[in-house]
Each structure stands twice: as structure tokens, then as C-alpha cells.
Amino acid sequence: MNILFTLCGRAGSKGVKGKNARDFCGIPLVWYSMAAIKLYKDNYTTANDCVKVVLNTDSQALIQLCRQVEELPVTILERKENLAGDKVPKVSVILDCLHRASQTLKMDFDVVVDLDITSPLRTVQDVKNAIERKMARPEVDVVYSVTHSRRNPYFNMVKEESGFFCKAIASSYTTRQEAPVFYDMNASIYAYSPKALRDKAHSTFFNSNCDAITMFDTGILDIDSEEDYELMQVIATHLFENKAGFQELKCCVSKWAAL
């Protein structure tokens, strides 16, 4: 199996300045995603598997951070200007990674796995689960990671309408347990079909033909604000101290930091 892992991060960010090249709990943020790839490669691949990693960015700081990790070779794809805007669908950037990696590395890929740099709290088991789920279901376009939703549009989510507030979806449910189950996309792992990346409309990519794996709820979806950045480090410290899968990740990045 040929697996392409993608790391994507712009130099600019409106919510958190330079977030992709920042430290997280004293270690470069991008290294947590790289560690998940390294652990997957070391523990769950065979001699018949080929794992390649690309970084798509316009950030020189991010490029230098990835190059510091000699244990995990990363092919640098400098981001094209037309893909650097904050309104460009990320799926378009992933497709660019696929096209250029296929040409540069001269190979085809069975699955494209994007690990979002700003959602670092994942375990190698999560990555394994996403890849295995996608390979078991070749008919789906993408398998992405979710957590159980803390809010339900049938029960405790509301909207403003004509000067009043009402339930987001009108219903007669009186308890949350009665309502249909919802999930939050936690913006961490996406295992794509290469064919779907090439053929499916990017603006509506996630509207149909998707599957998901459920991850441990870390409480924060991803780093989109300074508040997220601060709170997520508090949660991460607890997980690194108390949860085996997260401890494994922290051990890997700490080893790189010590070199």
C-alpha cells in the first residue's frame, strides 16, 4: 500500500499569528503530526508498504522545523500563490499535494492522509483506525475523524429567527437521550480517496459519501484563537501525563527536541 501523508500550513493566520510554526507545550506544533506519522510508519507498516510525507506551505519557518527532524524525511512543496488565500478550500491544497507528489516521487498512491497541524492531540491508533477504515471501504470518498457532539440541534442548540430564539431544528424531544446522535468533525485526520480528490467538487466535498472514526474528546476542536491555543495546552499537559497513547506521542517529540 502506498500512503501519502500531507501536512499543510500557511504562513499567515488571522486568528492566531504564525500558529503553524508556533511551539505547543514547548515543542514545535508541527512535530506532533510528524510524530504520529513516524509512529504509524514504525509500528503498523510492512515491507510492502510505502509511506511518503509532503509539506505544502509558504512558511519558511515551517519548512525549517520539518527539516530539523531527520528521522522522518519530508518532501517540501512550496505553496502556489493561488492556494495561499484564507478562502481556498483545503481539499484543493490536498489535491495539489497529490498531483505534485505523484510527479515528484513518480508513484501512485492508494490513500492520501491529511493530518491537520493545528489539531495535534491524536494518537497513532487514531491514524491507524482512519487508514484501516478507508481501505476497508474503498467506495467512500473520505474517512474523517469526529468526536461525540456536546450539543444537539434537536435539543440544546438554538438560533435567532424574526427577533426570537428557537430550537435549531424544531422537535418535541424533552431529553437529549431521545434526540438523534450528532458528532463534531474535530479537524484532525482525513483519509482521502485519490480518485475522489481528482473528481469530486471541492466546495461540497463533505456533503456526501463520507465515513468517520470516533476519537477521544479533547474538548477543543482545533487552534483557531489565542484562547484555543492556551486551553489546548492545559488539556494536552493532562493527556501527556495520564493517557498512554498521548504519552507515546509526547515521548517521540521530546526525543526530537533533545537532539
Protein backbone atom coordinates (compact mmCIF):
# COMPACT_ATOMS: atom_id res chain seq x y z
CA MET A 1 0.00 0.00 0.00
CA ASN A 2 1.29 3.45 -0.93
CA ILE A 3 0.31 6.12 1.58
CA LEU A 4 0.79 9.85 1.09
CA PHE A 5 0.71 11.87 4.31
CA THR A 6 0.12 15.60 3.86
CA LEU A 7 0.99 18.45 6.23
CA CYS A 8 -0.43 21.79 5.15
CA GLY A 9 0.05 25.19 6.75
CA ARG A 10 0.04 28.80 5.60
CA ALA A 11 2.44 31.45 6.86
CA GLY A 12 -0.41 33.80 7.71
CA SER A 13 -3.27 33.33 10.16
CA LYS A 14 -5.94 35.78 11.26
CA GLY A 15 -6.92 34.02 14.50
CA VAL A 16 -3.51 33.00 15.88
CA LYS A 17 -0.49 34.73 14.36
CA GLY A 18 2.00 32.28 12.85
CA LYS A 19 0.24 29.38 14.57
CA ASN A 20 1.57 26.61 12.30
CA ALA A 21 5.19 27.40 13.26
CA ARG A 22 4.49 28.00 16.96
CA ASP A 23 5.54 25.88 19.91
CA PHE A 24 2.92 23.77 21.70
CA CYS A 25 3.81 22.76 25.26
CA GLY A 26 7.36 23.89 24.49
CA ILE A 27 7.76 21.81 21.31
CA PRO A 28 7.07 22.82 17.68
CA LEU A 29 3.39 22.24 16.93
CA VAL A 30 4.02 20.52 13.59
CA TRP A 31 6.20 17.88 15.25
CA TYR A 32 3.15 16.29 16.91
CA SER A 33 1.66 15.49 13.50
CA MET A 34 5.04 14.29 12.28
CA ALA A 35 5.38 12.06 15.37
CA ALA A 36 2.01 10.43 14.64
CA ILE A 37 3.26 9.62 11.13
CA LYS A 38 6.60 8.27 12.43
CA LEU A 39 4.86 6.07 15.00
CA TYR A 40 2.46 4.74 12.37
CA LYS A 41 5.31 4.01 9.98
CA ASP A 42 7.33 2.23 12.66
CA ASN A 43 4.52 0.20 14.18
CA TYR A 44 1.92 -0.51 11.51
CA THR A 45 3.58 -0.80 8.11
CA THR A 46 5.19 -3.77 6.40
CA ALA A 47 7.89 -4.19 3.78
CA ASN A 48 5.15 -3.98 1.14
CA ASP A 49 4.01 -0.54 2.31
CA CYS A 50 5.49 2.77 1.17
CA VAL A 51 4.94 5.91 3.25
CA LYS A 52 5.72 9.36 1.86
CA VAL A 53 5.28 12.71 3.60
CA VAL A 54 4.90 16.13 2.00
CA LEU A 55 4.65 19.62 3.48
CA ASN A 56 2.64 22.15 1.47
CA THR A 57 3.40 25.64 2.76
CA ASP A 58 4.52 29.18 2.05
CA SER A 59 6.16 29.43 5.50
CA GLN A 60 9.94 29.26 5.61
CA ALA A 61 9.78 28.81 9.39
CA LEU A 62 7.60 25.72 8.97
CA ILE A 63 9.92 24.32 6.31
CA GLN A 64 12.92 24.67 8.64
CA LEU A 65 11.08 22.95 11.51
CA CYS A 66 10.22 19.94 9.33
CA ARG A 67 13.78 19.70 8.03
CA GLN A 68 15.13 19.50 11.57
CA VAL A 69 13.54 16.07 12.04
CA GLU A 70 15.94 13.74 10.26
CA GLU A 71 14.06 10.59 11.30
CA LEU A 72 11.12 11.48 9.07
CA PRO A 73 12.05 12.73 5.57
CA VAL A 74 9.56 15.33 4.33
CA THR A 75 9.28 16.48 0.72
CA ILE A 76 8.72 20.25 0.59
CA LEU A 77 6.09 21.59 -1.80
CA GLU A 78 6.19 25.38 -1.74
CA ARG A 79 2.59 26.54 -1.87
CA LYS A 80 1.40 28.22 -5.03
CA GLU A 81 0.14 31.78 -4.62
CA ASN A 82 -3.36 30.90 -5.86
CA LEU A 83 -3.68 28.38 -3.00
CA ALA A 84 -2.41 30.67 -0.24
CA GLY A 85 -5.60 32.64 0.43
CA ASP A 86 -7.73 32.07 3.53
CA LYS A 87 -10.82 31.29 1.42
CA VAL A 88 -9.23 28.43 -0.56
CA PRO A 89 -10.82 25.04 0.32
CA LYS A 90 -8.22 22.85 1.99
CA VAL A 91 -9.27 19.97 -0.26
CA SER A 92 -7.81 21.97 -3.17
CA VAL A 93 -4.47 22.13 -1.36
CA ILE A 94 -4.60 18.37 -0.69
CA LEU A 95 -5.23 17.73 -4.39
CA ASP A 96 -2.23 19.92 -5.23
CA CYS A 97 -0.16 17.78 -2.85
CA LEU A 98 -1.35 14.61 -4.60
CA HIS A 99 -0.60 15.89 -8.10
CA ARG A 100 2.85 17.22 -7.27
CA ALA A 101 3.85 14.30 -5.04
CA SER A 102 2.86 11.82 -7.74
CA GLN A 103 5.00 13.70 -10.25
CA THR A 104 7.96 14.37 -7.94
CA LEU A 105 8.09 10.93 -6.34
CA LYS A 106 6.99 9.11 -9.52
CA MET A 107 4.40 6.92 -7.88
CA ASP A 108 0.66 6.44 -7.42
CA PHE A 109 -1.00 6.41 -4.01
CA ASP A 110 -3.75 4.23 -2.55
CA VAL A 111 -4.77 6.76 0.09
CA VAL A 112 -3.97 10.38 0.97
CA VAL A 113 -3.95 11.11 4.71
CA ASP A 114 -4.00 14.71 5.88
CA LEU A 115 -3.06 15.43 9.49
CA ASP A 116 -4.10 18.95 10.43
CA ILE A 117 -1.19 20.73 12.09
CA THR A 118 -3.47 22.74 14.39
CA SER A 119 -5.18 19.62 15.81
CA PRO A 120 -2.18 17.90 17.42
CA LEU A 121 -3.98 15.80 20.06
CA ARG A 122 -4.30 12.50 18.23
CA THR A 123 -2.74 9.09 18.84
CA VAL A 124 -1.11 6.72 16.39
CA GLN A 125 -4.08 4.39 16.98
CA ASP A 126 -6.37 7.15 15.65
CA VAL A 127 -4.27 7.37 12.48
CA LYS A 128 -4.31 3.59 12.10
CA ASN A 129 -8.08 3.50 12.58
CA ALA A 130 -8.69 6.10 9.86
CA ILE A 131 -6.46 4.37 7.32
CA GLU A 132 -7.90 0.93 8.03
CA ARG A 133 -11.45 2.26 7.81
CA LYS A 134 -10.76 3.91 4.45
CA MET A 135 -9.09 0.83 2.99
CA ALA A 136 -11.98 -1.32 4.21
CA ARG A 137 -14.44 1.00 2.47
CA PRO A 138 -12.99 1.86 -0.96
CA GLU A 139 -16.39 3.19 -2.06
CA VAL A 140 -16.29 6.20 0.31
CA ASP A 141 -14.59 9.45 -0.70
CA VAL A 142 -13.06 10.26 2.68
CA VAL A 143 -12.90 8.95 6.22
CA TYR A 144 -12.52 11.77 8.73
CA SER A 145 -12.25 11.96 12.50
CA VAL A 146 -15.09 13.01 14.78
CA THR A 147 -15.98 13.22 18.46
CA HIS A 148 -19.38 12.91 20.07
CA SER A 149 -21.07 16.31 19.92
CA ARG A 150 -21.57 18.23 23.16
CA ARG A 151 -24.62 19.97 21.67
CA ASN A 152 -27.59 18.65 19.71
CA PRO A 153 -29.54 20.78 17.20
CA TYR A 154 -32.74 18.90 18.12
CA PHE A 155 -32.38 19.52 21.83
CA ASN A 156 -29.96 22.18 23.15
CA MET A 157 -28.86 24.26 20.15
CA VAL A 158 -30.84 27.39 19.26
CA LYS A 159 -30.94 30.02 16.54
CA GLU A 160 -32.30 33.57 16.27
CA GLU A 161 -35.27 33.93 13.96
CA SER A 162 -37.52 37.00 13.48
CA GLY A 163 -36.39 38.57 16.75
CA PHE A 164 -36.86 35.41 18.84
CA PHE A 165 -34.73 32.41 19.77
CA CYS A 166 -35.91 28.89 18.97
CA LYS A 167 -34.51 25.37 18.62
CA ALA A 168 -32.14 24.95 15.68
CA ILE A 169 -34.34 22.07 14.49
CA ALA A 170 -37.94 22.10 15.75
CA SER A 171 -38.77 18.95 17.72
CA SER A 172 -40.74 17.57 20.65
CA TYR A 173 -37.77 15.83 22.30
CA THR A 174 -37.65 16.52 26.04
CA THR A 175 -34.33 14.82 26.81
CA ARG A 176 -31.03 14.71 24.96
CA GLN A 177 -31.09 10.90 25.07
CA GLU A 178 -34.21 10.86 22.86
CA ALA A 179 -32.70 13.01 20.11
CA PRO A 180 -30.71 11.61 17.15
CA VAL A 181 -26.96 11.34 17.83
CA PHE A 182 -24.71 14.02 16.32
CA TYR A 183 -20.94 14.27 16.01
CA ASP A 184 -18.41 17.10 15.73
CA MET A 185 -15.80 16.99 12.99
CA ASN A 186 -12.66 17.58 15.03
CA ALA A 187 -10.44 18.69 12.13
CA SER A 188 -7.66 16.21 12.91
CA ILE A 189 -7.46 13.29 10.43
CA TYR A 190 -8.73 12.91 6.87
CA ALA A 191 -8.08 9.76 4.80
CA TYR A 192 -8.98 10.59 1.19
CA SER A 193 -9.61 8.57 -1.93
CA PRO A 194 -7.17 9.89 -4.57
CA LYS A 195 -9.86 9.42 -7.24
CA ALA A 196 -12.39 11.45 -5.24
CA LEU A 197 -9.84 14.24 -4.75
CA ARG A 198 -9.44 14.44 -8.52
CA ASP A 199 -13.10 14.07 -9.49
CA LYS A 200 -15.33 15.48 -6.75
CA ALA A 201 -16.30 19.15 -6.34
CA HIS A 202 -14.19 20.62 -3.54
CA SER A 203 -16.72 23.17 -2.30
CA THR A 204 -19.21 20.40 -1.43
CA PHE A 205 -16.75 17.56 -0.82
CA PHE A 206 -18.01 16.68 2.67
CA ASN A 207 -21.73 16.80 1.83
CA SER A 208 -21.96 13.17 0.76
CA ASN A 209 -20.30 9.72 0.58
CA CYS A 210 -18.17 10.09 3.72
CA ASP A 211 -17.40 7.86 6.69
CA ALA A 212 -15.85 8.61 10.08
CA ILE A 213 -13.88 7.27 13.02
CA THR A 214 -14.56 8.46 16.56
CA MET A 215 -11.70 9.90 18.59
CA PHE A 216 -11.25 10.75 22.27
CA ASP A 217 -12.88 14.12 23.01
CA THR A 218 -10.13 16.60 23.87
CA GLY A 219 -12.64 19.40 24.44
CA ILE A 220 -11.21 21.80 21.86
CA LEU A 221 -11.68 21.24 18.14
CA ASP A 222 -8.54 22.93 16.83
CA ILE A 223 -6.40 26.03 17.34
CA ASP A 224 -8.35 28.90 15.81
CA SER A 225 -7.91 31.54 18.51
CA GLU A 226 -5.49 32.51 21.27
CA GLU A 227 -7.98 31.08 23.76
CA ASP A 228 -7.93 27.72 21.95
CA TYR A 229 -4.13 27.80 21.97
CA GLU A 230 -3.93 28.37 25.73
CA LEU A 231 -6.70 25.96 26.75
CA MET A 232 -5.50 23.18 24.46
CA GLN A 233 -2.06 23.23 26.09
CA VAL A 234 -3.70 22.76 29.50
CA ILE A 235 -5.64 19.76 28.19
CA ALA A 236 -2.54 18.41 26.42
CA THR A 237 -0.48 18.52 29.61
CA HIS A 238 -3.10 16.39 31.36
CA LEU A 239 -3.27 13.89 28.48
CA PHE A 240 0.52 13.62 28.19
CA GLU A 241 0.70 12.78 31.89
CA ASN A 242 -2.23 10.37 32.12
CA LYS A 243 -3.11 8.71 28.79
CA ALA A 244 -0.82 6.09 27.26
CA GLY A 245 -1.44 6.92 23.59
CA PHE A 246 -0.72 10.59 24.15
CA GLN A 247 2.33 9.79 26.30
CA GLU A 248 3.77 7.85 23.36
CA LEU A 249 3.34 10.92 21.14
CA LYS A 250 4.95 13.24 23.71
CA CYS A 251 7.88 10.86 24.15
CA CYS A 252 8.58 10.95 20.41
CA VAL A 253 8.55 14.75 20.08
CA SER A 254 10.55 15.18 23.30
CA LYS A 255 13.27 12.95 21.88
CA TRP A 256 13.48 15.16 18.78
CA ALA A 257 13.61 18.29 20.94
CA ALA A 258 16.55 16.87 22.88
CA LEU A 259 18.68 16.30 19.77
